[in-house]
Amino acid sequence: MTSRYAFSLALTLLVVAGGCASAEDAYRDGIEQETAGDYAAAADAYIRALERDPEIDNVAGRLEVAGREAVREHVDAAALAGPEAAADHYLAADGLVRRAAAVGVDLDRPATFDADRDGALDAATVDLIARADLRLGAADFPAVLPLLDRARRYRPTPEQVGQLDGLARTAFLGWAEMDLASGRYRAALGRTESALALGADLPEADRLRDLQLSILSAGTVVAAVFPTEAVYDDLPGGFLRDLDDVLADDIAIAPSPFLALIDPADVRRYLRTDRYRGRDDGRRGPVGDGRRGTSRTAHPRLVADLARDLDADFGVAVEVGPLVETETEGDPRTENARFRRGGGGTTYERRRVRLRADLTAAFVVVDAASGRIVCDEEVDERMTDTFDRATYSGDWRDLDLSRSERAMFLPEAGEQAADRALVRLRDATSAALAARLARCLDRQVP
């Protein structure tokens, strides 16, 4: 016998012995519980023993005895219980019968067991439907749905399922109308969605959708997002305009159904009017070190006034800056090259350059009615790109190089890497701002 075969056989024997020991443990547990008169627990333990080792001795016989007594106890208890408790007893007994059958044991039970079980389940369902209908008539909507959920446990007929769904839709509808009247728009919308998920005929579905429109009309918050301003004069031309365009798109696809934006074109058009310039109180102007005048984020009252002029509930002011770009050069590598004319060889140095761009952006969300700042947040984003830079003590144009090698001597290589990093930085900054803005505005919906 090879050592590998001996090891495999020993491992198999250990697994089998462990499984048998586990089955024996469950069998001993069952004996103890049966002796104590807990037949349901004993039957459960015997079933577990047979699941682990179907060939274990004596267990099937003990399961027949304990299972029969457990079923009898459930049937006797059901006869004395109310509709719901009686149905629970029959479900427990039926579950035990099914589990025993799965391990090859047909438990003894009354000849009328199946009919009695079905009758108990039907009685519980009918009772719960009647109780739910009473609570619905009292407009106690929170109490209706738990009753209906419990009824679904008792294997309702298709006709009863239709009754349960209809009562649930009516409860959701009434509850949503109550939430709408109380200004709980988010909860109201959720309840109409739950009602529609249950299915509805056309008139009822139309009523639910009309209610949804009313909820959205009452609960939607309208925001005016003003053009982004730069804290420092260190941004490339067109960066702010592109950021605004991407930001408007990112906010527009926010998942909240309660968020609406004033058209950015309308905002820009307003900012060109005399009405806006009359509000611009001289806050702009350089203060040294390349820093611009203070932006709208420092003037919540102004943001509130502008938002009100645009019929918005909230005004959003965004500022970015500073933009910090850094380059890190790796160790030089010596490359060989030949001259284009005259033959002979020479060397030049090549370095991998890592370019990093960091940008800070901040925003405030201001309540137009009160001038109160409801959100004041900041995001920091970083993007990197790499390129190769080459240097030569003479004129690199004299070297016989490929197109890609010649590009390493041009300043455009660094400029292109910076452009790539800035585009990704713009998109990342916009996504982070849009996500936080959407969360902030969504929180304003009660």
Foldseek 3Di string as FASTA:
>chain_A
DDPVVVVVVVVVVVVLVVLLVQLVVLQVVLVVCVVVVNLLSSLVSLLVSCVSPVPDPPSLVSNQVSLQVLLVVLCVVLVVDDLLSNLVSLVSNVVSQVSSVVSPHHHDDDPCSVVVNLVSLVRLLVVLLVVLVVCVVVLVLVVNLVSLVSNVVSPDDPVSLVSSLVSLLSSLQSVLVVCLVVQQLVSSLVSLVVNVVSPDDDVSVVVSVVSNVVSLVVQAFEEEEAQEAEFFPPDDPPLSVVLVVLLVVLLVPDPDSRYHYDPRVVNVVVCPDPVNVVLPPPQWDDDDPRGTGDFCQVPLLSQLQSCVVVVGQKYKYKYKDDKDKDKDKDDWDKDKWFFPPDTDIDIKIKIKMKMKIKMKMWMWIAGNVPSDTQDTDMDIDMFMFIDMAIDDPDDCVRTDDDPNVVVNPDPVRVVVRVVVRSVVRSNVVSNVVSVVVSVSSSVVRD
